[in-house]
N, C-alpha and C. Protein backbone atom coordinates (compact mmCIF):
# COMPACT_ATOMS: atom_id res chain seq x y z
N MET A 1 -15.93 1.26 18.84
CA MET A 1 -15.77 2.54 19.54
C MET A 1 -16.97 3.44 19.24
N PRO A 2 -17.61 4.06 20.23
CA PRO A 2 -18.70 4.98 19.98
C PRO A 2 -18.24 6.13 19.10
N ARG A 3 -19.16 6.67 18.30
CA ARG A 3 -18.79 7.74 17.37
C ARG A 3 -18.26 8.96 18.10
N GLU A 4 -18.80 9.23 19.29
CA GLU A 4 -18.33 10.37 20.06
C GLU A 4 -16.85 10.21 20.40
N GLY A 5 -16.47 9.00 20.81
CA GLY A 5 -15.07 8.75 21.12
C GLY A 5 -14.20 8.87 19.89
N TYR A 6 -14.73 8.48 18.76
CA TYR A 6 -13.99 8.59 17.50
C TYR A 6 -13.70 10.06 17.17
N GLN A 7 -14.69 10.91 17.31
CA GLN A 7 -14.49 12.33 17.04
C GLN A 7 -13.49 12.94 18.03
N GLU A 8 -13.53 12.47 19.25
CA GLU A 8 -12.57 12.96 20.24
C GLU A 8 -11.15 12.54 19.86
N ARG A 9 -11.00 11.36 19.31
CA ARG A 9 -9.67 10.90 18.88
C ARG A 9 -9.18 11.72 17.70
N LEU A 10 -10.08 12.08 16.81
CA LEU A 10 -9.68 12.93 15.68
C LEU A 10 -9.21 14.29 16.19
N ALA A 11 -9.96 14.87 17.12
CA ALA A 11 -9.57 16.16 17.69
C ALA A 11 -8.24 16.03 18.43
N GLY A 12 -8.06 14.91 19.13
CA GLY A 12 -6.80 14.69 19.84
C GLY A 12 -5.64 14.54 18.89
N LEU A 13 -5.88 13.90 17.74
CA LEU A 13 -4.82 13.76 16.74
C LEU A 13 -4.36 15.12 16.25
N ARG A 14 -5.30 16.00 15.96
CA ARG A 14 -4.93 17.34 15.49
C ARG A 14 -4.09 18.06 16.55
N GLU A 15 -4.54 17.99 17.80
CA GLU A 15 -3.80 18.66 18.88
C GLU A 15 -2.39 18.09 19.02
N ASP A 16 -2.27 16.78 18.89
CA ASP A 16 -0.96 16.15 19.04
C ASP A 16 -0.02 16.49 17.87
N VAL A 17 -0.58 16.58 16.67
CA VAL A 17 0.24 16.99 15.52
C VAL A 17 0.74 18.42 15.72
N LEU A 18 -0.14 19.28 16.21
CA LEU A 18 0.27 20.67 16.46
C LEU A 18 1.31 20.74 17.57
N TYR A 19 1.16 19.90 18.58
CA TYR A 19 2.18 19.86 19.64
C TYR A 19 3.53 19.41 19.07
N MET A 20 3.51 18.39 18.24
CA MET A 20 4.75 17.93 17.63
C MET A 20 5.40 19.04 16.82
N SER A 21 4.58 19.82 16.12
CA SER A 21 5.15 20.93 15.32
C SER A 21 5.81 21.97 16.22
N GLU A 22 5.24 22.21 17.40
CA GLU A 22 5.85 23.16 18.34
C GLU A 22 7.21 22.66 18.80
N VAL A 23 7.31 21.37 19.09
CA VAL A 23 8.59 20.79 19.51
C VAL A 23 9.62 20.90 18.39
N VAL A 24 9.19 20.58 17.18
CA VAL A 24 10.11 20.63 16.03
C VAL A 24 10.56 22.06 15.76
N LEU A 25 9.65 23.00 15.83
CA LEU A 25 10.02 24.40 15.60
C LEU A 25 11.00 24.88 16.66
N GLU A 26 10.81 24.44 17.89
CA GLU A 26 11.75 24.80 18.95
C GLU A 26 13.14 24.25 18.63
N ARG A 27 13.21 23.01 18.15
CA ARG A 27 14.50 22.42 17.79
C ARG A 27 15.14 23.18 16.64
N LEU A 28 14.33 23.59 15.67
CA LEU A 28 14.86 24.32 14.53
C LEU A 28 15.43 25.67 14.97
N ARG A 29 14.71 26.38 15.82
CA ARG A 29 15.21 27.67 16.32
C ARG A 29 16.48 27.47 17.14
N MET A 30 16.49 26.44 17.96
CA MET A 30 17.69 26.16 18.76
C MET A 30 18.88 25.84 17.87
N GLY A 31 18.65 25.08 16.81
CA GLY A 31 19.74 24.76 15.89
C GLY A 31 20.30 25.99 15.23
N LEU A 32 19.43 26.91 14.83
CA LEU A 32 19.89 28.16 14.22
C LEU A 32 20.64 29.02 15.23
N ASP A 33 20.13 29.08 16.46
CA ASP A 33 20.82 29.85 17.50
C ASP A 33 22.20 29.26 17.80
N ALA A 34 22.27 27.94 17.87
CA ALA A 34 23.55 27.28 18.14
C ALA A 34 24.54 27.58 17.04
N LEU A 35 24.08 27.54 15.80
CA LEU A 35 24.96 27.79 14.66
C LEU A 35 25.46 29.23 14.67
N GLN A 36 24.58 30.16 14.98
CA GLN A 36 24.97 31.56 14.98
C GLN A 36 25.98 31.86 16.09
N ALA A 37 25.75 31.31 17.26
CA ALA A 37 26.60 31.60 18.42
C ALA A 37 27.76 30.61 18.57
N LYS A 38 27.78 29.59 17.70
CA LYS A 38 28.76 28.49 17.84
C LYS A 38 28.71 27.92 19.27
N ASP A 39 27.48 27.68 19.71
CA ASP A 39 27.22 27.22 21.07
C ASP A 39 27.15 25.70 21.06
N GLU A 40 28.23 25.06 21.47
CA GLU A 40 28.29 23.60 21.41
C GLU A 40 27.32 22.94 22.39
N GLU A 41 27.11 23.55 23.54
CA GLU A 41 26.18 22.99 24.52
C GLU A 41 24.76 22.97 23.95
N LEU A 42 24.37 24.06 23.31
CA LEU A 42 23.05 24.13 22.70
C LEU A 42 22.95 23.15 21.53
N ALA A 43 24.04 23.03 20.78
CA ALA A 43 24.06 22.09 19.65
C ALA A 43 23.81 20.66 20.14
N TRP A 44 24.44 20.28 21.23
CA TRP A 44 24.24 18.93 21.76
C TRP A 44 22.80 18.76 22.25
N GLU A 45 22.22 19.82 22.78
CA GLU A 45 20.83 19.74 23.24
C GLU A 45 19.90 19.45 22.07
N VAL A 46 20.18 20.08 20.92
CA VAL A 46 19.37 19.83 19.73
C VAL A 46 19.56 18.39 19.25
N ILE A 47 20.80 17.95 19.20
CA ILE A 47 21.10 16.60 18.70
C ILE A 47 20.46 15.54 19.60
N GLU A 48 20.64 15.69 20.90
CA GLU A 48 20.12 14.68 21.83
C GLU A 48 18.59 14.75 21.95
N GLY A 49 18.01 15.91 21.61
CA GLY A 49 16.56 16.05 21.69
C GLY A 49 15.82 15.39 20.54
N ASP A 50 16.57 14.88 19.57
CA ASP A 50 15.90 14.25 18.41
C ASP A 50 15.14 13.00 18.83
N ASP A 51 15.57 12.34 19.89
CA ASP A 51 14.86 11.14 20.36
C ASP A 51 13.42 11.46 20.75
N GLU A 52 13.21 12.62 21.34
CA GLU A 52 11.85 13.02 21.74
C GLU A 52 10.96 13.15 20.50
N VAL A 53 11.50 13.77 19.46
CA VAL A 53 10.72 13.94 18.23
C VAL A 53 10.41 12.58 17.61
N ASN A 54 11.39 11.70 17.59
CA ASN A 54 11.17 10.37 17.02
C ASN A 54 10.09 9.61 17.79
N ALA A 55 10.09 9.76 19.11
CA ALA A 55 9.07 9.09 19.92
C ALA A 55 7.69 9.65 19.64
N LEU A 56 7.60 10.98 19.50
CA LEU A 56 6.32 11.59 19.15
C LEU A 56 5.83 11.09 17.80
N TYR A 57 6.75 11.01 16.86
CA TYR A 57 6.39 10.54 15.52
C TYR A 57 5.82 9.12 15.57
N LEU A 58 6.49 8.23 16.28
CA LEU A 58 6.05 6.85 16.34
C LEU A 58 4.68 6.73 17.01
N ASP A 59 4.47 7.51 18.07
CA ASP A 59 3.17 7.48 18.75
C ASP A 59 2.05 7.95 17.82
N LEU A 60 2.30 9.02 17.08
CA LEU A 60 1.28 9.55 16.19
C LEU A 60 1.08 8.65 14.97
N GLU A 61 2.14 8.04 14.51
CA GLU A 61 2.02 7.08 13.41
C GLU A 61 1.08 5.94 13.85
N GLY A 62 1.28 5.46 15.05
CA GLY A 62 0.44 4.39 15.56
C GLY A 62 -1.02 4.81 15.67
N GLU A 63 -1.24 6.05 16.11
CA GLU A 63 -2.61 6.54 16.24
C GLU A 63 -3.28 6.65 14.86
N CYS A 64 -2.54 7.14 13.88
CA CYS A 64 -3.10 7.24 12.52
C CYS A 64 -3.46 5.85 11.98
N ILE A 65 -2.58 4.91 12.19
CA ILE A 65 -2.82 3.55 11.69
C ILE A 65 -4.04 2.95 12.38
N ASP A 66 -4.16 3.15 13.69
CA ASP A 66 -5.32 2.63 14.42
C ASP A 66 -6.62 3.24 13.89
N LEU A 67 -6.62 4.53 13.68
CA LEU A 67 -7.83 5.19 13.19
C LEU A 67 -8.21 4.70 11.80
N LEU A 68 -7.20 4.49 10.96
CA LEU A 68 -7.48 4.00 9.60
C LEU A 68 -7.98 2.56 9.63
N ALA A 69 -7.34 1.75 10.46
CA ALA A 69 -7.66 0.32 10.46
C ALA A 69 -8.96 0.00 11.20
N LEU A 70 -9.17 0.67 12.31
CA LEU A 70 -10.31 0.32 13.16
C LEU A 70 -11.59 1.06 12.79
N GLN A 71 -11.45 2.28 12.26
CA GLN A 71 -12.64 3.09 12.00
C GLN A 71 -13.03 3.13 10.53
N GLN A 72 -12.07 2.78 9.65
CA GLN A 72 -12.31 2.82 8.21
C GLN A 72 -13.00 4.14 7.81
N PRO A 73 -12.34 5.26 8.06
CA PRO A 73 -12.95 6.57 7.79
C PRO A 73 -13.13 6.80 6.29
N VAL A 74 -14.05 7.68 5.97
CA VAL A 74 -14.29 8.03 4.57
C VAL A 74 -14.29 9.55 4.44
N ALA A 75 -14.22 9.99 3.18
CA ALA A 75 -14.35 11.41 2.82
C ALA A 75 -13.40 12.29 3.64
N GLY A 76 -13.97 13.32 4.29
CA GLY A 76 -13.15 14.31 4.97
C GLY A 76 -12.30 13.73 6.08
N ASP A 77 -12.84 12.79 6.85
CA ASP A 77 -12.08 12.19 7.94
C ASP A 77 -10.88 11.41 7.40
N LEU A 78 -11.10 10.72 6.29
CA LEU A 78 -10.00 9.96 5.69
C LEU A 78 -8.90 10.88 5.22
N ARG A 79 -9.28 11.97 4.58
CA ARG A 79 -8.27 12.93 4.11
C ARG A 79 -7.53 13.55 5.29
N PHE A 80 -8.25 13.84 6.37
CA PHE A 80 -7.62 14.44 7.55
C PHE A 80 -6.58 13.50 8.15
N ILE A 81 -6.93 12.25 8.32
CA ILE A 81 -5.99 11.29 8.93
C ILE A 81 -4.79 11.07 8.01
N ALA A 82 -5.07 10.90 6.71
CA ALA A 82 -3.97 10.69 5.76
C ALA A 82 -3.05 11.90 5.70
N ALA A 83 -3.63 13.11 5.70
CA ALA A 83 -2.82 14.32 5.67
C ALA A 83 -1.99 14.45 6.94
N SER A 84 -2.60 14.14 8.08
CA SER A 84 -1.87 14.22 9.35
C SER A 84 -0.69 13.26 9.36
N PHE A 85 -0.91 12.07 8.82
CA PHE A 85 0.17 11.08 8.76
C PHE A 85 1.33 11.60 7.91
N LYS A 86 1.03 12.21 6.77
CA LYS A 86 2.09 12.75 5.91
C LYS A 86 2.76 13.95 6.57
N ILE A 87 1.99 14.76 7.27
CA ILE A 87 2.55 15.96 7.90
C ILE A 87 3.51 15.61 9.02
N ILE A 88 3.19 14.60 9.82
CA ILE A 88 4.13 14.23 10.88
C ILE A 88 5.43 13.69 10.29
N THR A 89 5.35 13.09 9.11
CA THR A 89 6.57 12.64 8.45
C THR A 89 7.42 13.83 8.05
N ASP A 90 6.80 14.88 7.51
CA ASP A 90 7.55 16.09 7.16
C ASP A 90 8.14 16.74 8.41
N LEU A 91 7.37 16.76 9.48
CA LEU A 91 7.88 17.36 10.73
C LEU A 91 9.08 16.58 11.26
N GLU A 92 9.02 15.27 11.19
CA GLU A 92 10.14 14.45 11.65
C GLU A 92 11.40 14.74 10.83
N ARG A 93 11.22 14.94 9.56
CA ARG A 93 12.37 15.23 8.70
C ARG A 93 12.92 16.63 8.95
N ILE A 94 12.05 17.57 9.26
CA ILE A 94 12.52 18.91 9.63
C ILE A 94 13.37 18.81 10.90
N ALA A 95 12.92 17.99 11.84
CA ALA A 95 13.70 17.80 13.07
C ALA A 95 15.07 17.21 12.76
N ASP A 96 15.13 16.29 11.81
CA ASP A 96 16.42 15.72 11.41
C ASP A 96 17.32 16.80 10.84
N LEU A 97 16.75 17.71 10.06
CA LEU A 97 17.54 18.80 9.48
C LEU A 97 18.00 19.77 10.57
N ALA A 98 17.18 19.97 11.60
CA ALA A 98 17.61 20.78 12.74
C ALA A 98 18.78 20.12 13.46
N THR A 99 18.73 18.80 13.56
CA THR A 99 19.84 18.06 14.16
C THR A 99 21.12 18.25 13.35
N ASN A 100 20.98 18.30 12.03
CA ASN A 100 22.14 18.58 11.19
C ASN A 100 22.77 19.92 11.55
N LEU A 101 21.95 20.92 11.84
CA LEU A 101 22.48 22.23 12.23
C LEU A 101 23.33 22.11 13.49
N GLY A 102 22.88 21.25 14.41
CA GLY A 102 23.69 21.00 15.60
C GLY A 102 25.02 20.39 15.24
N ASP A 103 25.01 19.43 14.32
CA ASP A 103 26.26 18.80 13.88
C ASP A 103 27.18 19.82 13.22
N TYR A 104 26.62 20.69 12.38
CA TYR A 104 27.44 21.69 11.70
C TYR A 104 28.05 22.66 12.70
N THR A 105 27.31 22.94 13.77
CA THR A 105 27.83 23.83 14.82
C THR A 105 29.08 23.23 15.45
N LEU A 106 29.05 21.93 15.71
CA LEU A 106 30.20 21.27 16.33
C LEU A 106 31.41 21.28 15.40
N ASP A 107 31.16 21.29 14.10
CA ASP A 107 32.26 21.29 13.12
C ASP A 107 32.77 22.68 12.79
N ALA A 108 31.97 23.71 13.09
CA ALA A 108 32.32 25.07 12.67
C ALA A 108 33.48 25.62 13.51
N GLU A 109 34.44 26.19 12.82
CA GLU A 109 35.57 26.80 13.51
C GLU A 109 35.59 28.32 13.31
N ARG A 110 34.99 28.77 12.22
CA ARG A 110 35.06 30.20 11.90
C ARG A 110 33.98 30.53 10.88
N ASP A 111 33.73 31.82 10.70
CA ASP A 111 32.84 32.30 9.65
C ASP A 111 33.71 32.77 8.49
N VAL A 112 33.63 32.06 7.38
CA VAL A 112 34.46 32.43 6.24
C VAL A 112 33.69 33.24 5.21
N TYR A 113 32.37 33.28 5.33
CA TYR A 113 31.56 34.02 4.38
C TYR A 113 30.54 34.87 5.14
N PRO A 114 31.01 35.98 5.72
CA PRO A 114 30.10 36.82 6.51
C PRO A 114 28.99 37.43 5.68
N ASP A 115 29.16 37.50 4.35
CA ASP A 115 28.13 38.08 3.49
C ASP A 115 26.97 37.11 3.25
N VAL A 116 27.18 35.84 3.55
CA VAL A 116 26.11 34.86 3.39
C VAL A 116 25.29 34.81 4.69
N ASP A 117 24.06 35.27 4.62
CA ASP A 117 23.24 35.40 5.82
C ASP A 117 22.41 34.13 6.01
N VAL A 118 23.01 33.14 6.65
CA VAL A 118 22.31 31.89 6.92
C VAL A 118 21.11 32.12 7.84
N GLN A 119 21.27 33.05 8.77
CA GLN A 119 20.18 33.30 9.72
C GLN A 119 18.95 33.86 9.02
N GLU A 120 19.14 34.69 8.00
CA GLU A 120 18.00 35.21 7.25
C GLU A 120 17.22 34.07 6.59
N ILE A 121 17.96 33.16 5.96
CA ILE A 121 17.31 32.00 5.35
C ILE A 121 16.59 31.18 6.41
N GLY A 122 17.26 30.98 7.55
CA GLY A 122 16.67 30.22 8.64
C GLY A 122 15.39 30.83 9.15
N GLU A 123 15.37 32.15 9.30
CA GLU A 123 14.16 32.83 9.76
C GLU A 123 13.02 32.68 8.76
N GLU A 124 13.36 32.74 7.48
CA GLU A 124 12.33 32.62 6.45
C GLU A 124 11.70 31.22 6.46
N VAL A 125 12.53 30.19 6.52
CA VAL A 125 11.96 28.84 6.47
C VAL A 125 11.24 28.49 7.77
N THR A 126 11.71 29.03 8.89
CA THR A 126 10.99 28.82 10.15
C THR A 126 9.60 29.42 10.06
N ARG A 127 9.51 30.61 9.51
CA ARG A 127 8.20 31.24 9.34
C ARG A 127 7.32 30.42 8.40
N MET A 128 7.90 29.84 7.37
CA MET A 128 7.12 28.99 6.47
C MET A 128 6.50 27.81 7.21
N VAL A 129 7.30 27.18 8.06
CA VAL A 129 6.78 26.04 8.82
C VAL A 129 5.68 26.50 9.78
N GLU A 130 5.90 27.63 10.43
CA GLU A 130 4.88 28.17 11.34
C GLU A 130 3.57 28.41 10.61
N ARG A 131 3.66 29.04 9.45
CA ARG A 131 2.45 29.38 8.69
C ARG A 131 1.76 28.12 8.15
N SER A 132 2.56 27.15 7.73
CA SER A 132 1.96 25.92 7.21
C SER A 132 1.18 25.19 8.30
N MET A 133 1.70 25.23 9.52
CA MET A 133 0.99 24.59 10.62
C MET A 133 -0.24 25.41 11.05
N GLU A 134 -0.17 26.72 10.89
CA GLU A 134 -1.36 27.54 11.12
C GLU A 134 -2.45 27.18 10.12
N ALA A 135 -2.05 26.95 8.87
CA ALA A 135 -3.01 26.55 7.85
C ALA A 135 -3.67 25.22 8.23
N TYR A 136 -2.87 24.29 8.73
CA TYR A 136 -3.40 22.99 9.17
C TYR A 136 -4.35 23.16 10.34
N ALA A 137 -3.96 23.98 11.31
CA ALA A 137 -4.78 24.16 12.51
C ALA A 137 -6.11 24.83 12.18
N GLU A 138 -6.07 25.81 11.27
CA GLU A 138 -7.26 26.60 10.97
C GLU A 138 -7.96 26.16 9.69
N GLU A 139 -7.40 25.14 9.03
CA GLU A 139 -7.96 24.65 7.76
C GLU A 139 -8.14 25.80 6.78
N ASP A 140 -7.05 26.53 6.54
CA ASP A 140 -7.09 27.75 5.73
C ASP A 140 -6.40 27.51 4.39
N PRO A 141 -7.15 27.34 3.30
CA PRO A 141 -6.52 27.08 2.01
C PRO A 141 -5.72 28.27 1.46
N ASP A 142 -6.13 29.49 1.81
CA ASP A 142 -5.41 30.66 1.31
C ASP A 142 -3.97 30.67 1.81
N VAL A 143 -3.78 30.29 3.05
CA VAL A 143 -2.42 30.24 3.60
C VAL A 143 -1.59 29.16 2.91
N CYS A 144 -2.24 28.09 2.50
CA CYS A 144 -1.52 27.02 1.79
C CYS A 144 -0.89 27.56 0.52
N TYR A 145 -1.66 28.34 -0.24
CA TYR A 145 -1.11 28.93 -1.47
C TYR A 145 -0.04 29.98 -1.14
N GLU A 146 -0.21 30.69 -0.05
CA GLU A 146 0.78 31.67 0.38
C GLU A 146 2.13 31.00 0.62
N ILE A 147 2.12 29.84 1.27
CA ILE A 147 3.35 29.11 1.55
C ILE A 147 4.03 28.68 0.25
N ALA A 148 3.24 28.17 -0.68
CA ALA A 148 3.80 27.73 -1.95
C ALA A 148 4.45 28.89 -2.70
N ASP A 149 3.81 30.04 -2.69
CA ASP A 149 4.38 31.22 -3.36
C ASP A 149 5.64 31.70 -2.64
N TYR A 150 5.62 31.63 -1.32
CA TYR A 150 6.74 32.13 -0.52
C TYR A 150 7.99 31.29 -0.73
N ASP A 151 7.80 30.05 -1.11
CA ASP A 151 8.94 29.17 -1.31
C ASP A 151 9.87 29.68 -2.40
N ASP A 152 9.32 30.40 -3.37
CA ASP A 152 10.15 30.95 -4.45
C ASP A 152 11.19 31.92 -3.89
N ARG A 153 10.79 32.71 -2.88
CA ARG A 153 11.74 33.65 -2.28
C ARG A 153 12.86 32.91 -1.56
N VAL A 154 12.51 31.85 -0.86
CA VAL A 154 13.53 31.08 -0.15
C VAL A 154 14.49 30.42 -1.14
N ASP A 155 13.94 29.88 -2.22
CA ASP A 155 14.80 29.27 -3.24
C ASP A 155 15.77 30.30 -3.81
N GLU A 156 15.29 31.51 -4.01
CA GLU A 156 16.16 32.57 -4.54
C GLU A 156 17.25 32.93 -3.54
N LEU A 157 16.89 33.04 -2.27
CA LEU A 157 17.89 33.34 -1.24
C LEU A 157 18.97 32.26 -1.19
N CYS A 158 18.54 31.01 -1.25
CA CYS A 158 19.49 29.90 -1.20
C CYS A 158 20.39 29.88 -2.44
N GLU A 159 19.80 30.16 -3.59
CA GLU A 159 20.59 30.17 -4.82
C GLU A 159 21.63 31.29 -4.79
N ARG A 160 21.22 32.46 -4.32
CA ARG A 160 22.17 33.58 -4.25
C ARG A 160 23.29 33.27 -3.26
N ALA A 161 22.95 32.66 -2.14
CA ALA A 161 23.96 32.32 -1.14
C ALA A 161 24.96 31.31 -1.69
N SER A 162 24.46 30.29 -2.36
CA SER A 162 25.35 29.27 -2.94
C SER A 162 26.24 29.87 -4.01
N GLU A 163 25.69 30.75 -4.82
CA GLU A 163 26.48 31.40 -5.87
C GLU A 163 27.57 32.28 -5.26
N ALA A 164 27.25 32.96 -4.15
CA ALA A 164 28.24 33.81 -3.49
C ALA A 164 29.40 32.98 -2.97
N VAL A 165 29.10 31.82 -2.42
CA VAL A 165 30.17 30.93 -1.93
C VAL A 165 31.03 30.45 -3.08
N ALA A 166 30.40 30.02 -4.17
CA ALA A 166 31.15 29.50 -5.31
C ALA A 166 32.01 30.60 -5.93
N ARG A 167 31.46 31.80 -6.06
CA ARG A 167 32.20 32.91 -6.65
C ARG A 167 33.41 33.27 -5.79
N ASP A 168 33.21 33.34 -4.49
CA ASP A 168 34.31 33.67 -3.59
C ASP A 168 35.39 32.60 -3.63
N LEU A 169 34.97 31.35 -3.73
CA LEU A 169 35.94 30.26 -3.77
C LEU A 169 36.81 30.34 -5.01
N ILE A 170 36.20 30.70 -6.13
CA ILE A 170 36.96 30.83 -7.37
C ILE A 170 37.94 31.98 -7.30
N GLU A 171 37.53 33.08 -6.68
CA GLU A 171 38.36 34.29 -6.63
C GLU A 171 39.35 34.31 -5.49
N ARG A 172 39.19 33.42 -4.53
CA ARG A 172 40.03 33.46 -3.33
C ARG A 172 41.48 33.13 -3.66
N GLU A 173 42.40 33.89 -3.06
CA GLU A 173 43.83 33.69 -3.32
C GLU A 173 44.65 33.59 -2.04
N ASP A 174 43.98 33.55 -0.90
CA ASP A 174 44.71 33.61 0.36
C ASP A 174 44.99 32.24 0.97
N ALA A 175 44.64 31.17 0.27
CA ALA A 175 44.94 29.83 0.78
C ALA A 175 46.32 29.44 0.26
N ASP A 176 47.33 29.62 1.11
CA ASP A 176 48.71 29.47 0.64
C ASP A 176 49.37 28.17 1.09
N SER A 177 48.57 27.22 1.57
CA SER A 177 49.13 25.93 1.96
C SER A 177 48.07 24.86 1.77
N ASP A 178 48.52 23.61 1.65
CA ASP A 178 47.57 22.50 1.50
C ASP A 178 46.65 22.40 2.70
N GLU A 179 47.20 22.69 3.88
CA GLU A 179 46.40 22.63 5.10
C GLU A 179 45.30 23.68 5.09
N GLU A 180 45.65 24.88 4.61
CA GLU A 180 44.66 25.95 4.55
C GLU A 180 43.60 25.65 3.49
N VAL A 181 44.02 25.09 2.38
CA VAL A 181 43.06 24.72 1.34
C VAL A 181 42.08 23.68 1.86
N GLU A 182 42.59 22.68 2.58
CA GLU A 182 41.73 21.64 3.12
C GLU A 182 40.75 22.22 4.14
N ARG A 183 41.24 23.12 4.96
CA ARG A 183 40.38 23.74 5.96
C ARG A 183 39.29 24.57 5.28
N LEU A 184 39.67 25.29 4.23
CA LEU A 184 38.73 26.11 3.49
C LEU A 184 37.63 25.24 2.86
N MET A 185 38.03 24.11 2.30
CA MET A 185 37.07 23.24 1.65
C MET A 185 36.09 22.66 2.66
N ARG A 186 36.57 22.37 3.87
CA ARG A 186 35.66 21.88 4.91
C ARG A 186 34.63 22.94 5.26
N ASP A 187 35.09 24.20 5.37
CA ASP A 187 34.19 25.29 5.70
C ASP A 187 33.15 25.49 4.59
N VAL A 188 33.61 25.43 3.35
CA VAL A 188 32.71 25.61 2.22
C VAL A 188 31.67 24.49 2.19
N HIS A 189 32.14 23.26 2.38
CA HIS A 189 31.24 22.11 2.36
C HIS A 189 30.18 22.23 3.44
N ARG A 190 30.59 22.63 4.64
CA ARG A 190 29.64 22.78 5.74
C ARG A 190 28.61 23.86 5.44
N LEU A 191 29.05 24.97 4.89
CA LEU A 191 28.13 26.07 4.61
C LEU A 191 27.13 25.70 3.52
N LEU A 192 27.61 25.03 2.48
CA LEU A 192 26.71 24.63 1.40
C LEU A 192 25.69 23.61 1.89
N LEU A 193 26.12 22.71 2.77
CA LEU A 193 25.18 21.75 3.35
C LEU A 193 24.13 22.47 4.20
N THR A 194 24.56 23.49 4.93
CA THR A 194 23.63 24.26 5.76
C THR A 194 22.56 24.92 4.89
N ILE A 195 23.01 25.55 3.80
CA ILE A 195 22.07 26.20 2.88
C ILE A 195 21.11 25.18 2.29
N ARG A 196 21.66 24.05 1.87
CA ARG A 196 20.82 23.00 1.28
C ARG A 196 19.77 22.50 2.28
N ASP A 197 20.18 22.29 3.52
CA ASP A 197 19.26 21.75 4.51
C ASP A 197 18.15 22.75 4.84
N LEU A 198 18.49 24.04 4.90
CA LEU A 198 17.46 25.05 5.17
C LEU A 198 16.48 25.13 4.01
N GLU A 199 16.98 24.99 2.80
CA GLU A 199 16.08 24.96 1.65
C GLU A 199 15.13 23.77 1.74
N ARG A 200 15.63 22.65 2.22
CA ARG A 200 14.78 21.47 2.39
C ARG A 200 13.72 21.68 3.45
N VAL A 201 14.04 22.42 4.49
CA VAL A 201 13.03 22.76 5.50
C VAL A 201 11.87 23.48 4.82
N GLY A 202 12.21 24.44 3.95
CA GLY A 202 11.17 25.15 3.21
C GLY A 202 10.35 24.21 2.34
N ASP A 203 11.01 23.24 1.73
CA ASP A 203 10.29 22.27 0.90
C ASP A 203 9.31 21.45 1.73
N HIS A 204 9.72 21.09 2.93
CA HIS A 204 8.81 20.34 3.80
C HIS A 204 7.63 21.19 4.24
N ALA A 205 7.86 22.49 4.43
CA ALA A 205 6.75 23.39 4.76
C ALA A 205 5.74 23.42 3.61
N VAL A 206 6.25 23.43 2.38
CA VAL A 206 5.35 23.39 1.22
C VAL A 206 4.58 22.08 1.19
N ASN A 207 5.26 20.98 1.51
CA ASN A 207 4.56 19.68 1.57
C ASN A 207 3.41 19.72 2.57
N ILE A 208 3.66 20.33 3.73
CA ILE A 208 2.62 20.42 4.76
C ILE A 208 1.44 21.24 4.23
N ALA A 209 1.75 22.34 3.56
CA ALA A 209 0.69 23.17 2.99
C ALA A 209 -0.09 22.40 1.92
N ALA A 210 0.62 21.64 1.10
CA ALA A 210 -0.03 20.87 0.04
C ALA A 210 -0.97 19.82 0.62
N ARG A 211 -0.51 19.12 1.66
CA ARG A 211 -1.36 18.11 2.29
C ARG A 211 -2.56 18.75 2.99
N THR A 212 -2.35 19.92 3.55
CA THR A 212 -3.45 20.62 4.21
C THR A 212 -4.51 21.04 3.20
N LEU A 213 -4.06 21.56 2.06
CA LEU A 213 -5.00 21.95 1.02
C LEU A 213 -5.82 20.75 0.55
N TYR A 214 -5.15 19.62 0.37
CA TYR A 214 -5.86 18.41 -0.03
C TYR A 214 -6.85 17.98 1.05
N MET A 215 -6.44 18.10 2.30
CA MET A 215 -7.30 17.73 3.42
C MET A 215 -8.56 18.60 3.46
N VAL A 216 -8.39 19.89 3.25
CA VAL A 216 -9.50 20.83 3.41
C VAL A 216 -10.43 20.83 2.21
N GLU A 217 -9.85 20.84 1.01
CA GLU A 217 -10.66 21.05 -0.18
C GLU A 217 -10.60 19.90 -1.18
N ASN A 218 -9.98 18.79 -0.81
CA ASN A 218 -9.83 17.69 -1.74
C ASN A 218 -9.18 18.16 -3.04
N ASP A 219 -8.21 19.07 -2.89
CA ASP A 219 -7.54 19.72 -4.01
C ASP A 219 -6.08 19.30 -4.01
N ASP A 220 -5.64 18.64 -5.08
CA ASP A 220 -4.25 18.17 -5.15
C ASP A 220 -3.36 19.12 -5.94
N ASP A 221 -3.77 20.38 -6.08
CA ASP A 221 -3.05 21.35 -6.91
C ASP A 221 -1.61 21.54 -6.48
N LEU A 222 -1.33 21.49 -5.19
CA LEU A 222 0.02 21.75 -4.69
C LEU A 222 0.83 20.48 -4.49
N LEU A 223 0.22 19.32 -4.69
CA LEU A 223 0.94 18.06 -4.51
C LEU A 223 1.84 17.81 -5.70
N TYR A 224 3.07 17.40 -5.41
CA TYR A 224 4.01 17.09 -6.50
C TYR A 224 5.05 16.14 -5.98
């Protein structure tokens, strides 16, 4: 392949990774909207849309493998392709977590913990993913560190939310039948899973930032 075509493929890979991130972010926002509104139609749209993300992932995986195998890149190009490959994996997993939100929407019957602001956590982690992809697009190491620092706030929000659920469960006295207790436990389980999954979205955003930092500066400081 002529070198000019090779550089065009690298540029195309970046554009395609950014496109995949836009699709994934759309799914994440839709999942949060479905959960908030208990919109089953929207939830199914998120769940069924996961096939599109999987197809994008497989196409980009193939492109990364071809570039590695056929071009044998070195230095910055090698780091870029390797980072892109890892980033699409994180994006695919974020899409899976968005699909979980659709599943939780179908299971939700009521809001039992109005004081737990799942949407606030969702907005924070969505912004983390947006910023991490901006860092990738612009090759901005400062934003990478910003994402890593911001993750502490998300972890704190998730911890406070989980503690609020546990505290309320211990103090609750209005479950006066086995059926009500079982229903309550289902609601608690669903909410805790939602909090956990949103926290994982934030973790994947940090992974994207870490890979971007390594790509730009050959710096593994954020990798763990």
